Amino acid sequence: MKRFLLLILALAALMIIGCSDDDDKDNSITNIMNQMDEVDFLIYVGNHDYRSDEVTISISEEIANPYTFTGTYEHTLAVNGVEVTNISGWSGLNYAAYTYEAGFTPGEEYEISYTYELSENGSVTYTKTIAETITGLYFASWDAPYTVTGVDEPVVFSWTLDGNNQHQIASAYSELWNYDTYDLVNEDEYYKELGVDDRTFTFPANCVSDFGAERENYLSLSYGVTSLNYVLSGSALIYTATSWYASNMYGCGEVTREEKISHMKKLANMILDLQ
């Protein structure tokens, strides 16, 4: 299970990038596509600002490179056999976001069917169909800090859920960066798989190192807990998660849609290693 735990650690590390706003959407999408190297299709279900009605899809540039592809593309999504037509005005060659107006009820199973098709010169050149069942997520209410100021004190996270999700992970990450060169000087990590019915966790003092935090370097810290469900189908990952992270840079709190998308690549790679 170590590799799976590293996945959530990676999620915490990515939180250091910061909480995105809508103006960063295109850049964020481009960065995701450039990084996805293990899973070709990432499908995130629900839980954006406590909503449970969104499906977000990201496709690897290995499948369709936006810099060289000159044809047309088509996304088709169905939930429980019913096509979802509201694409929210947010789509492109490598991504799409849908609003599933019926919403996803926690604890209930949903069949997610997605087809991606590419055509050039009037002929279909690529088709991928994904059909898997995922369990609706129980959303967490968090009693946890927005910020951490150092590694010397324990950090307590508490949360409530109306039911159990499939996995719960606690993770912490520290990075030491050179002020002048922006090079990564050192890093440390801590992770622990929690029981599915756990509702509190205390990060031990000094669970990650601050490396003495030399004056000429900058220390980034992130502590977080994630509760999630997922299903892996070949080169496609379907998942849903509720998370809270605290950083020494600023508080991010509940992770938003775009931040969750940016985490998907790391999640995919680590789940692949888990299999």
Protein backbone atom coordinates (compact mmCIF):
# COMPACT_ATOMS: atom_id res chain seq x y z
CA MET A 1 0.00 0.00 0.00
CA LYS A 2 2.98 2.32 0.24
CA ARG A 3 2.72 3.45 -3.36
CA PHE A 4 -0.95 4.33 -2.90
CA LEU A 5 -0.11 6.38 0.16
CA LEU A 6 2.48 8.27 -1.84
CA LEU A 7 -0.32 9.31 -4.13
CA ILE A 8 -2.01 11.38 -1.45
CA LEU A 9 1.35 12.74 -0.44
CA ALA A 10 1.69 13.98 -3.99
CA LEU A 11 -1.70 15.66 -3.71
CA ALA A 12 -0.50 17.55 -0.68
CA ALA A 13 2.67 18.61 -2.44
CA LEU A 14 0.69 20.02 -5.33
CA MET A 15 -1.32 22.17 -2.95
CA ILE A 16 1.84 24.25 -2.48
CA ILE A 17 1.12 25.63 -5.95
CA GLY A 18 -1.85 27.41 -4.43
CA CYS A 19 -5.59 27.82 -4.79
CA SER A 20 -6.50 28.55 -8.42
CA ASP A 21 -8.99 31.15 -9.58
CA ASP A 22 -10.99 31.04 -12.80
CA ASP A 23 -8.43 33.12 -14.70
CA ASP A 24 -5.92 30.28 -14.35
CA LYS A 25 -8.18 27.66 -15.94
CA ASP A 26 -6.49 27.35 -19.35
CA ASN A 27 -2.96 27.32 -17.94
CA SER A 28 -3.99 24.74 -15.39
CA ILE A 29 -5.48 22.50 -18.07
CA THR A 30 -2.35 22.79 -20.23
CA ASN A 31 -0.13 21.85 -17.32
CA ILE A 32 -2.23 18.80 -16.57
CA MET A 33 -2.07 17.56 -20.13
CA ASN A 34 1.69 18.03 -20.27
CA GLN A 35 2.18 15.95 -17.13
CA MET A 36 -0.15 12.99 -17.66
CA ASP A 37 2.14 10.09 -18.54
CA GLU A 38 0.58 7.00 -17.00
CA VAL A 39 -3.20 7.30 -17.45
CA ASP A 40 -4.75 8.58 -20.66
CA PHE A 41 -8.22 9.41 -19.34
CA LEU A 42 -8.98 10.96 -15.95
CA ILE A 43 -12.62 11.33 -14.97
CA TYR A 44 -13.43 13.21 -11.79
CA VAL A 45 -16.97 12.87 -10.41
CA GLY A 46 -18.68 15.43 -8.18
CA ASN A 47 -17.82 17.54 -5.14
CA HIS A 48 -16.97 21.04 -6.31
CA ASP A 49 -17.81 23.62 -3.63
CA TYR A 50 -20.01 21.00 -1.96
CA ARG A 51 -21.81 20.31 -5.23
CA SER A 52 -22.28 16.73 -6.37
CA ASP A 53 -23.32 17.36 -9.96
CA GLU A 54 -20.12 17.75 -11.93
CA VAL A 55 -18.10 15.37 -14.11
CA THR A 56 -14.71 16.63 -15.31
CA ILE A 57 -12.67 14.76 -17.92
CA SER A 58 -9.01 15.20 -18.88
CA ILE A 59 -7.32 13.43 -21.80
CA SER A 60 -3.59 12.92 -22.25
CA GLU A 61 -1.71 14.70 -25.00
CA GLU A 62 -0.39 11.25 -25.92
CA ILE A 63 -3.89 10.63 -27.31
CA ALA A 64 -4.45 14.05 -28.87
CA ASN A 65 -1.69 16.66 -29.04
CA PRO A 66 -3.26 20.14 -29.25
CA TYR A 67 -0.16 21.49 -31.01
CA THR A 68 -0.30 19.04 -33.91
CA PHE A 69 -3.87 17.71 -34.16
CA THR A 70 -5.87 19.44 -36.90
CA GLY A 71 -9.05 17.36 -36.95
CA THR A 72 -12.24 17.37 -34.91
CA TYR A 73 -13.13 15.80 -31.57
CA GLU A 74 -16.29 14.68 -29.81
CA HIS A 75 -17.02 13.95 -26.13
CA THR A 76 -20.06 11.88 -25.17
CA LEU A 77 -21.02 11.24 -21.54
CA ALA A 78 -23.85 9.17 -20.09
CA VAL A 79 -24.74 8.44 -16.46
CA ASN A 80 -26.81 5.33 -15.80
CA GLY A 81 -27.52 5.09 -19.51
CA VAL A 82 -28.82 8.66 -19.89
CA GLU A 83 -26.75 11.05 -22.00
CA VAL A 84 -25.61 14.21 -20.22
CA THR A 85 -25.92 17.15 -22.60
CA ASN A 86 -24.98 20.10 -20.37
CA ILE A 87 -21.27 20.51 -21.07
CA SER A 88 -21.13 23.78 -19.09
CA GLY A 89 -19.39 25.67 -21.92
CA TRP A 90 -16.07 24.24 -20.75
CA SER A 91 -14.56 21.81 -23.22
CA GLY A 92 -11.72 21.34 -25.66
CA LEU A 93 -9.58 18.72 -27.34
CA ASN A 94 -8.14 17.47 -24.03
CA TYR A 95 -10.83 18.27 -21.47
CA ALA A 96 -14.55 18.62 -20.83
CA ALA A 97 -16.76 19.47 -17.87
CA TYR A 98 -20.38 18.37 -17.57
CA THR A 99 -23.17 19.23 -15.17
CA TYR A 100 -25.17 16.15 -14.18
CA GLU A 101 -28.29 17.88 -12.94
CA ALA A 102 -29.65 14.89 -11.02
CA GLY A 103 -26.53 14.90 -8.84
CA PHE A 104 -24.63 11.98 -7.33
CA THR A 105 -26.09 10.61 -4.12
CA PRO A 106 -23.51 9.48 -1.55
CA GLY A 107 -23.27 5.71 -1.22
CA GLU A 108 -25.20 4.93 -4.42
CA GLU A 109 -23.60 3.33 -7.48
CA TYR A 110 -23.50 5.09 -10.85
CA GLU A 111 -22.46 3.78 -14.24
CA ILE A 112 -20.25 6.33 -15.97
CA SER A 113 -20.08 5.83 -19.74
CA TYR A 114 -17.80 8.06 -21.75
CA THR A 115 -16.79 7.98 -25.43
CA TYR A 116 -14.05 10.07 -27.01
CA GLU A 117 -13.74 10.25 -30.79
CA LEU A 118 -11.22 11.92 -33.08
CA SER A 119 -11.69 12.49 -36.80
CA GLU A 120 -9.44 13.82 -39.54
CA ASN A 121 -10.32 14.49 -43.18
CA GLY A 122 -13.82 13.16 -42.58
CA SER A 123 -12.69 9.79 -41.19
CA VAL A 124 -12.71 8.56 -37.59
CA THR A 125 -9.10 8.00 -36.51
CA TYR A 126 -9.51 7.19 -32.82
CA THR A 127 -12.34 6.01 -30.55
CA LYS A 128 -12.24 5.19 -26.84
CA THR A 129 -15.21 4.07 -24.75
CA ILE A 130 -15.05 3.79 -20.97
CA ALA A 131 -17.87 2.25 -18.93
CA GLU A 132 -17.42 1.72 -15.20
CA THR A 133 -19.41 1.95 -11.98
CA ILE A 134 -18.37 4.29 -9.18
CA THR A 135 -19.89 4.87 -5.76
CA GLY A 136 -21.13 8.35 -4.91
CA LEU A 137 -18.91 10.17 -2.42
CA TYR A 138 -19.79 11.04 1.15
CA PHE A 139 -18.65 14.66 1.54
CA ALA A 140 -16.69 15.64 4.62
CA SER A 141 -17.26 18.53 6.99
CA TRP A 142 -13.87 19.58 8.31
CA ASP A 143 -12.61 20.83 11.65
CA ALA A 144 -9.01 21.41 10.65
CA PRO A 145 -6.52 24.26 10.40
CA TYR A 146 -6.07 26.46 7.35
CA THR A 147 -2.40 27.04 8.06
CA VAL A 148 0.59 25.41 9.71
CA THR A 149 3.55 27.45 10.94
CA GLY A 150 6.19 24.79 11.51
CA VAL A 151 6.87 21.12 12.17
CA ASP A 152 7.48 21.19 15.92
CA GLU A 153 3.85 20.80 17.09
CA PRO A 154 1.25 18.08 16.44
CA VAL A 155 -1.44 19.02 13.90
CA VAL A 156 -4.99 17.75 14.47
CA PHE A 157 -7.53 17.12 11.70
CA SER A 158 -11.12 16.13 12.50
CA TRP A 159 -14.01 15.59 10.12
CA THR A 160 -17.49 14.10 9.87
CA LEU A 161 -19.00 11.91 7.15
CA ASP A 162 -22.49 10.42 6.86
CA GLY A 163 -20.97 7.14 5.67
CA ASN A 164 -17.65 5.50 4.79
CA ASN A 165 -15.77 6.08 1.57
CA GLN A 166 -13.37 3.46 0.19
CA HIS A 167 -10.07 5.03 1.28
CA GLN A 168 -8.78 7.66 3.70
CA ILE A 169 -5.23 8.95 3.71
CA ALA A 170 -3.29 11.42 5.86
CA SER A 171 -0.20 12.98 4.33
CA ALA A 172 2.37 15.67 5.00
CA TYR A 173 5.07 17.10 2.78
CA SER A 174 7.94 19.52 3.23
CA GLU A 175 10.11 21.11 0.54
CA LEU A 176 13.13 23.36 0.94
CA TRP A 177 13.65 25.77 -1.98
CA ASN A 178 16.59 28.02 -2.73
CA TYR A 179 15.50 31.67 -2.71
CA ASP A 180 17.90 32.73 -5.45
CA THR A 181 17.83 29.82 -7.91
CA TYR A 182 14.34 28.40 -7.13
CA ASP A 183 15.93 24.95 -7.07
CA LEU A 184 14.57 22.25 -4.79
CA VAL A 185 17.20 21.71 -2.11
CA ASN A 186 15.59 18.97 -0.02
CA GLU A 187 12.25 17.30 0.64
CA ASP A 188 10.57 15.03 3.16
CA GLU A 189 7.30 13.13 3.31
CA TYR A 190 4.95 11.44 5.76
CA TYR A 191 1.90 9.36 5.01
CA LYS A 192 -0.50 7.05 6.79
CA GLU A 193 -3.49 5.08 5.56
CA LEU A 194 -6.43 5.62 7.89
CA GLY A 195 -9.34 3.31 8.65
CA VAL A 196 -12.42 4.03 6.57
CA ASP A 197 -14.36 4.87 9.74
CA ASP A 198 -11.67 7.13 11.27
CA ARG A 199 -12.82 10.71 11.85
CA THR A 200 -9.78 12.30 13.48
CA PHE A 201 -6.05 12.16 12.98
CA THR A 202 -3.12 13.83 14.70
CA PHE A 203 0.02 14.42 12.67
CA PRO A 204 2.95 13.81 15.04
CA ALA A 205 5.34 16.64 15.76
CA ASN A 206 8.31 16.52 13.38
CA CYS A 207 6.60 13.98 11.12
CA VAL A 208 8.41 15.83 8.33
CA SER A 209 11.70 17.70 8.58
CA ASP A 210 12.22 21.44 8.26
CA PHE A 211 15.91 20.78 7.41
CA GLY A 212 16.91 23.52 9.81
CA ALA A 213 15.21 25.94 7.39
CA GLU A 214 18.46 27.69 6.49
CA ARG A 215 18.06 31.42 6.09
CA GLU A 216 18.91 31.39 2.38
CA ASN A 217 16.17 28.83 1.62
CA TYR A 218 12.39 28.82 1.75
CA LEU A 219 10.43 26.01 3.45
CA SER A 220 7.05 24.90 2.08
CA LEU A 221 4.83 22.73 4.28
CA SER A 222 1.54 20.98 3.52
CA TYR A 223 -0.60 18.70 5.72
CA GLY A 224 -3.76 17.05 4.46
CA VAL A 225 -6.42 14.36 4.72
CA THR A 226 -8.29 12.92 1.74
CA SER A 227 -11.28 10.56 1.63
CA LEU A 228 -12.00 9.03 -1.79
CA ASN A 229 -13.56 6.40 -4.02
CA TYR A 230 -12.05 5.29 -7.33
CA VAL A 231 -12.13 2.69 -10.07
CA LEU A 232 -9.29 2.00 -12.51
CA SER A 233 -10.20 0.68 -15.96
CA GLY A 234 -7.20 0.04 -18.17
CA SER A 235 -5.75 3.44 -19.04
CA ALA A 236 -8.69 5.29 -17.49
CA LEU A 237 -9.19 6.40 -13.90
CA ILE A 238 -12.56 7.44 -12.50
CA TYR A 239 -12.47 8.93 -9.03
CA THR A 240 -14.13 11.23 -6.53
CA ALA A 241 -12.57 12.77 -3.42
CA THR A 242 -13.10 15.17 -0.55
CA SER A 243 -9.98 16.78 0.89
CA TRP A 244 -8.63 19.42 3.25
CA TYR A 245 -5.10 20.78 3.23
CA ALA A 246 -3.24 23.23 5.44
CA SER A 247 -0.11 25.03 4.27
CA ASN A 248 2.46 27.35 5.80
CA MET A 249 2.05 29.66 2.79
CA TYR A 250 -1.66 30.35 3.15
CA GLY A 251 -4.81 28.40 3.89
CA CYS A 252 -6.49 26.58 1.03
CA GLY A 253 -9.04 24.54 2.95
CA GLU A 254 -11.54 22.54 0.89
CA VAL A 255 -9.95 21.67 -2.46
CA THR A 256 -11.81 23.14 -5.45
CA ARG A 257 -12.53 21.68 -8.86
CA GLU A 258 -9.49 23.01 -10.70
CA GLU A 259 -7.13 22.00 -7.92
CA LYS A 260 -8.62 18.51 -7.93
CA ILE A 261 -8.06 18.30 -11.69
CA SER A 262 -4.43 19.28 -11.21
CA HIS A 263 -4.09 16.46 -8.67
CA MET A 264 -5.53 13.81 -10.98
CA LYS A 265 -2.30 12.91 -12.75
CA LYS A 266 -0.52 12.07 -9.48
CA LEU A 267 -3.51 10.13 -8.28
CA ALA A 268 -3.60 8.10 -11.49
CA ASN A 269 0.08 7.20 -11.39
CA MET A 270 -0.03 6.02 -7.78
CA ILE A 271 -3.18 3.96 -8.23
CA LEU A 272 -1.50 2.25 -11.16
CA ASP A 273 1.37 1.34 -8.88
CA LEU A 274 -1.11 -0.01 -6.32
CA GLN A 275 -2.58 -2.58 -8.71
